[in-house]
Amino acid sequence: MNIQEYNTAVKTHSDGIYRFLLRFCDGETAKDIVQDSFEKLWIKRELVEGNKAKSYLFTTAYHTMVDKKRKDKRLDFTETLPATSANFTLGNPDIQEVLHKALNTLPEIQKTLVLLRDYEGYSYEEIGEITNLNPSQVKVYIFRARVTLKNHIGTLENVLG
């Protein structure tokens, strides 16, 4: 990969990687992971082909995010979340909010796969490369995630009512 291909990768893929990471972490952490991913690409630029930059960046960002979450879990083991009661307002809930809450009920791997497939538009094979799963496993996890989401969200009347 040459400097021009690297700069093109930055312009083309930084927003997509950032949006992907925002589903899992706060904005500052997502920015840090994006920057780390591009730094790792720069270090390995001679080993990565220009047309493989997107896959390399998403894979690197995904693994960095997983490592950070694992590290944070170890550090935050004493922190407990207070029990909160749900506050419902009259009127229609924001569909995006409903989907976001439903996604957060999924196991981490299923959430990741659904986001890569349905939000980012990756193929099963590309997702397999990013997550180190074979395409059959990817399909099974996505199917299970969609069933869980369907059961969680239920019917439109349940969401709006």
C-alpha atoms as a PDB file:
ATOM      1  CA  MET A   1       0.000   0.000   0.000  1.00  0.00           C
ATOM      2  CA  ASN A   2       1.383   3.382  -0.927  1.00  0.00           C
ATOM      3  CA  ILE A   3       0.740   6.746   0.728  1.00  0.00           C
ATOM      4  CA  GLN A   4      -1.979   7.704  -1.749  1.00  0.00           C
ATOM      5  CA  GLU A   5      -3.884   4.444  -1.119  1.00  0.00           C
ATOM      6  CA  TYR A   6      -3.511   4.977   2.621  1.00  0.00           C
ATOM      7  CA  ASN A   7      -4.908   8.523   2.390  1.00  0.00           C
ATOM      8  CA  THR A   8      -7.774   7.236   0.255  1.00  0.00           C
ATOM      9  CA  ALA A   9      -8.501   4.575   2.887  1.00  0.00           C
ATOM     10  CA  VAL A  10      -8.621   7.256   5.586  1.00  0.00           C
ATOM     11  CA  LYS A  11     -11.068   9.392   3.596  1.00  0.00           C
ATOM     12  CA  THR A  12     -13.209   6.453   2.510  1.00  0.00           C
ATOM     13  CA  HIS A  13     -13.442   4.248   5.598  1.00  0.00           C
ATOM     14  CA  SER A  14     -12.960   6.347   8.739  1.00  0.00           C
ATOM     15  CA  ASP A  15     -16.630   7.400   9.007  1.00  0.00           C
ATOM     16  CA  GLY A  16     -17.933   3.864   8.484  1.00  0.00           C
ATOM     17  CA  ILE A  17     -15.611   2.402  11.099  1.00  0.00           C
ATOM     18  CA  TYR A  18     -16.531   5.175  13.543  1.00  0.00           C
ATOM     19  CA  ARG A  19     -20.288   4.588  13.041  1.00  0.00           C
ATOM     20  CA  PHE A  20     -19.780   0.854  13.509  1.00  0.00           C
ATOM     21  CA  LEU A  21     -17.881   1.399  16.771  1.00  0.00           C
ATOM     22  CA  LEU A  22     -20.454   3.861  18.126  1.00  0.00           C
ATOM     23  CA  ARG A  23     -22.856   0.929  18.483  1.00  0.00           C
ATOM     24  CA  PHE A  24     -20.530  -0.557  21.090  1.00  0.00           C
ATOM     25  CA  CYS A  25     -18.821   2.320  22.858  1.00  0.00           C
ATOM     26  CA  ASP A  26     -18.898   6.061  23.476  1.00  0.00           C
ATOM     27  CA  GLY A  27     -17.695   8.606  20.935  1.00  0.00           C
ATOM     28  CA  GLU A  28     -14.272   9.259  22.435  1.00  0.00           C
ATOM     29  CA  THR A  29     -13.462   5.564  22.713  1.00  0.00           C
ATOM     30  CA  ALA A  30     -14.658   5.022  19.135  1.00  0.00           C
ATOM     31  CA  LYS A  31     -12.395   7.849  17.913  1.00  0.00           C
ATOM     32  CA  ASP A  32      -9.440   6.338  19.776  1.00  0.00           C
ATOM     33  CA  ILE A  33     -10.062   2.918  18.260  1.00  0.00           C
ATOM     34  CA  VAL A  34     -10.395   4.381  14.748  1.00  0.00           C
ATOM     35  CA  GLN A  35      -7.110   6.216  15.222  1.00  0.00           C
ATOM     36  CA  ASP A  36      -5.428   3.065  16.571  1.00  0.00           C
ATOM     37  CA  SER A  37      -6.710   1.077  13.593  1.00  0.00           C
ATOM     38  CA  PHE A  38      -5.282   3.541  11.093  1.00  0.00           C
ATOM     39  CA  GLU A  39      -2.016   3.648  13.015  1.00  0.00           C
ATOM     40  CA  LYS A  40      -1.778  -0.157  12.798  1.00  0.00           C
ATOM     41  CA  LEU A  41      -2.560   0.039   9.079  1.00  0.00           C
ATOM     42  CA  TRP A  42       0.215   2.592   8.619  1.00  0.00           C
ATOM     43  CA  ILE A  43       2.685   0.372  10.449  1.00  0.00           C
ATOM     44  CA  LYS A  44       1.729  -2.608   8.269  1.00  0.00           C
ATOM     45  CA  ARG A  45       1.113  -0.633   5.078  1.00  0.00           C
ATOM     46  CA  GLU A  46       3.705  -2.597   3.135  1.00  0.00           C
ATOM     47  CA  LEU A  47       1.993  -5.896   3.998  1.00  0.00           C
ATOM     48  CA  VAL A  48      -1.598  -4.781   3.254  1.00  0.00           C
ATOM     49  CA  GLU A  49      -2.829  -4.446  -0.307  1.00  0.00           C
ATOM     50  CA  GLY A  50      -4.779  -1.286  -1.093  1.00  0.00           C
ATOM     51  CA  ASN A  51      -7.946  -3.187  -2.017  1.00  0.00           C
ATOM     52  CA  LYS A  52      -7.830  -5.084   1.315  1.00  0.00           C
ATOM     53  CA  ALA A  53      -7.601  -1.951   3.476  1.00  0.00           C
ATOM     54  CA  LYS A  54     -11.314  -1.849   4.358  1.00  0.00           C
ATOM     55  CA  SER A  55     -11.358  -5.435   5.571  1.00  0.00           C
ATOM     56  CA  TYR A  56      -8.108  -4.945   7.480  1.00  0.00           C
ATOM     57  CA  LEU A  57      -9.393  -1.772   9.154  1.00  0.00           C
ATOM     58  CA  PHE A  58     -12.749  -3.241  10.218  1.00  0.00           C
ATOM     59  CA  THR A  59     -11.031  -6.389  11.488  1.00  0.00           C
ATOM     60  CA  THR A  60      -8.491  -4.374  13.440  1.00  0.00           C
ATOM     61  CA  ALA A  61     -11.148  -2.035  14.853  1.00  0.00           C
ATOM     62  CA  TYR A  62     -13.356  -4.955  15.864  1.00  0.00           C
ATOM     63  CA  HIS A  63     -10.551  -6.803  17.644  1.00  0.00           C
ATOM     64  CA  THR A  64      -9.328  -3.624  19.344  1.00  0.00           C
ATOM     65  CA  MET A  65     -12.863  -2.894  20.563  1.00  0.00           C
ATOM     66  CA  VAL A  66     -13.278  -6.448  21.907  1.00  0.00           C
ATOM     67  CA  ASP A  67      -9.918  -6.247  23.683  1.00  0.00           C
ATOM     68  CA  LYS A  68     -10.835  -2.888  25.210  1.00  0.00           C
ATOM     69  CA  LYS A  69     -14.216  -4.187  26.412  1.00  0.00           C
ATOM     70  CA  ARG A  70     -12.540  -7.211  28.009  1.00  0.00           C
ATOM     71  CA  LYS A  71      -9.978  -4.994  29.702  1.00  0.00           C
ATOM     72  CA  ASP A  72     -12.677  -2.609  30.920  1.00  0.00           C
ATOM     73  CA  LYS A  73     -14.693  -5.527  32.330  1.00  0.00           C
ATOM     74  CA  ARG A  74     -11.697  -6.644  34.356  1.00  0.00           C
ATOM     75  CA  LEU A  75     -11.136  -3.120  35.638  1.00  0.00           C
ATOM     76  CA  ASP A  76     -14.806  -2.413  36.413  1.00  0.00           C
ATOM     77  CA  PHE A  77     -15.625  -5.647  38.214  1.00  0.00           C
ATOM     78  CA  THR A  78     -16.538  -3.793  41.423  1.00  0.00           C
ATOM     79  CA  GLU A  79     -18.920  -1.397  39.719  1.00  0.00           C
ATOM     80  CA  THR A  80     -22.557  -2.385  39.898  1.00  0.00           C
ATOM     81  CA  LEU A  81     -25.339  -0.859  37.903  1.00  0.00           C
ATOM     82  CA  PRO A  82     -28.196   0.580  39.923  1.00  0.00           C
ATOM     83  CA  ALA A  83     -31.603  -0.887  39.289  1.00  0.00           C
ATOM     84  CA  THR A  84     -33.591   1.626  37.311  1.00  0.00           C
ATOM     85  CA  SER A  85     -37.244   1.631  36.600  1.00  0.00           C
ATOM     86  CA  ALA A  86     -38.291   2.195  33.051  1.00  0.00           C
ATOM     87  CA  ASN A  87     -39.733   5.612  32.384  1.00  0.00           C
ATOM     88  CA  PHE A  88     -42.425   5.488  29.769  1.00  0.00           C
ATOM     89  CA  THR A  89     -43.958   8.504  28.204  1.00  0.00           C
ATOM     90  CA  LEU A  90     -47.204   8.730  26.380  1.00  0.00           C
ATOM     91  CA  GLY A  91     -46.872   8.872  22.654  1.00  0.00           C
ATOM     92  CA  ASN A  92     -44.850   6.950  20.122  1.00  0.00           C
ATOM     93  CA  PRO A  93     -41.378   5.804  21.071  1.00  0.00           C
ATOM     94  CA  ASP A  94     -38.533   6.583  18.734  1.00  0.00           C
ATOM     95  CA  ILE A  95     -38.105   3.533  16.482  1.00  0.00           C
ATOM     96  CA  GLN A  96     -34.334   4.031  16.440  1.00  0.00           C
ATOM     97  CA  GLU A  97     -34.329   3.948  20.244  1.00  0.00           C
ATOM     98  CA  VAL A  98     -36.419   0.761  20.279  1.00  0.00           C
ATOM     99  CA  LEU A  99     -34.021  -0.905  17.840  1.00  0.00           C
ATOM    100  CA  HIS A 100     -30.993   0.261  19.803  1.00  0.00           C
ATOM    101  CA  LYS A 101     -32.404  -1.163  23.044  1.00  0.00           C
ATOM    102  CA  ALA A 102     -33.268  -4.421  21.302  1.00  0.00           C
ATOM    103  CA  LEU A 103     -29.751  -4.685  19.864  1.00  0.00           C
ATOM    104  CA  ASN A 104     -28.310  -4.189  23.335  1.00  0.00           C
ATOM    105  CA  THR A 105     -30.141  -7.312  24.543  1.00  0.00           C
ATOM    106  CA  LEU A 106     -28.134  -9.475  22.130  1.00  0.00           C
ATOM    107  CA  PRO A 107     -24.893 -11.241  23.036  1.00  0.00           C
ATOM    108  CA  GLU A 108     -21.874  -9.249  21.870  1.00  0.00           C
ATOM    109  CA  ILE A 109     -21.034 -11.514  18.917  1.00  0.00           C
ATOM    110  CA  GLN A 110     -24.610 -11.517  17.590  1.00  0.00           C
ATOM    111  CA  LYS A 111     -24.852  -7.740  17.917  1.00  0.00           C
ATOM    112  CA  THR A 112     -21.582  -7.328  16.035  1.00  0.00           C
ATOM    113  CA  LEU A 113     -22.661  -9.631  13.220  1.00  0.00           C
ATOM    114  CA  VAL A 114     -26.075  -7.976  12.808  1.00  0.00           C
ATOM    115  CA  LEU A 115     -24.452  -4.537  12.659  1.00  0.00           C
ATOM    116  CA  LEU A 116     -21.878  -5.645  10.120  1.00  0.00           C
ATOM    117  CA  ARG A 117     -24.510  -7.348   7.947  1.00  0.00           C
ATOM    118  CA  ASP A 118     -27.558  -5.096   8.243  1.00  0.00           C
ATOM    119  CA  TYR A 119     -26.027  -1.695   8.982  1.00  0.00           C
ATOM    120  CA  GLU A 120     -22.716  -1.869   7.122  1.00  0.00           C
ATOM    121  CA  GLY A 121     -23.782  -4.240   4.313  1.00  0.00           C
ATOM    122  CA  TYR A 122     -20.959  -6.756   4.503  1.00  0.00           C
ATOM    123  CA  SER A 123     -21.317 -10.207   2.937  1.00  0.00           C
ATOM    124  CA  TYR A 124     -21.244 -13.324   5.100  1.00  0.00           C
ATOM    125  CA  GLU A 125     -17.750 -14.100   3.817  1.00  0.00           C
ATOM    126  CA  GLU A 126     -16.445 -10.611   4.662  1.00  0.00           C
ATOM    127  CA  ILE A 127     -17.973 -10.799   8.135  1.00  0.00           C
ATOM    128  CA  GLY A 128     -16.311 -14.171   8.590  1.00  0.00           C
ATOM    129  CA  GLU A 129     -12.936 -12.632   7.731  1.00  0.00           C
ATOM    130  CA  ILE A 130     -13.464  -9.759  10.171  1.00  0.00           C
ATOM    131  CA  THR A 131     -14.631 -11.933  13.089  1.00  0.00           C
ATOM    132  CA  ASN A 132     -12.632 -15.105  12.373  1.00  0.00           C
ATOM    133  CA  LEU A 133     -15.825 -17.169  11.965  1.00  0.00           C
ATOM    134  CA  ASN A 134     -16.756 -19.299   8.981  1.00  0.00           C
ATOM    135  CA  PRO A 135     -19.698 -18.103   6.853  1.00  0.00           C
ATOM    136  CA  SER A 136     -21.968 -20.866   8.190  1.00  0.00           C
ATOM    137  CA  GLN A 137     -21.388 -19.736  11.760  1.00  0.00           C
ATOM    138  CA  VAL A 138     -22.043 -16.147  10.720  1.00  0.00           C
ATOM    139  CA  LYS A 139     -25.377 -17.134   9.157  1.00  0.00           C
ATOM    140  CA  VAL A 140     -26.438 -19.097  12.240  1.00  0.00           C
ATOM    141  CA  TYR A 141     -25.555 -16.273  14.640  1.00  0.00           C
ATOM    142  CA  ILE A 142     -27.343 -13.698  12.497  1.00  0.00           C
ATOM    143  CA  PHE A 143     -30.431 -15.904  12.231  1.00  0.00           C
ATOM    144  CA  ARG A 144     -30.518 -16.381  16.012  1.00  0.00           C
ATOM    145  CA  ALA A 145     -30.006 -12.661  16.571  1.00  0.00           C
ATOM    146  CA  ARG A 146     -32.871 -11.774  14.249  1.00  0.00           C
ATOM    147  CA  VAL A 147     -35.187 -14.252  15.988  1.00  0.00           C
ATOM    148  CA  THR A 148     -34.228 -12.740  19.350  1.00  0.00           C
ATOM    149  CA  LEU A 149     -34.827  -9.219  18.024  1.00  0.00           C
ATOM    150  CA  LYS A 150     -38.186 -10.223  16.589  1.00  0.00           C
ATOM    151  CA  ASN A 151     -39.250 -11.770  19.896  1.00  0.00           C
ATOM    152  CA  HIS A 152     -37.962  -8.797  21.874  1.00  0.00           C
ATOM    153  CA  ILE A 153     -39.625  -6.157  19.756  1.00  0.00           C
ATOM    154  CA  GLY A 154     -42.757  -8.192  19.111  1.00  0.00           C
ATOM    155  CA  THR A 155     -45.465  -6.648  17.066  1.00  0.00           C
ATOM    156  CA  LEU A 156     -45.776  -3.018  16.088  1.00  0.00           C
ATOM    157  CA  GLU A 157     -48.738  -2.675  18.455  1.00  0.00           C
ATOM    158  CA  ASN A 158     -46.534  -3.701  21.390  1.00  0.00           C
ATOM    159  CA  VAL A 159     -43.912  -1.132  20.419  1.00  0.00           C
ATOM    160  CA  LEU A 160     -46.374   1.705  19.902  1.00  0.00           C
ATOM    161  CA  GLY A 161     -48.815   0.741  22.644  1.00  0.00           C
END
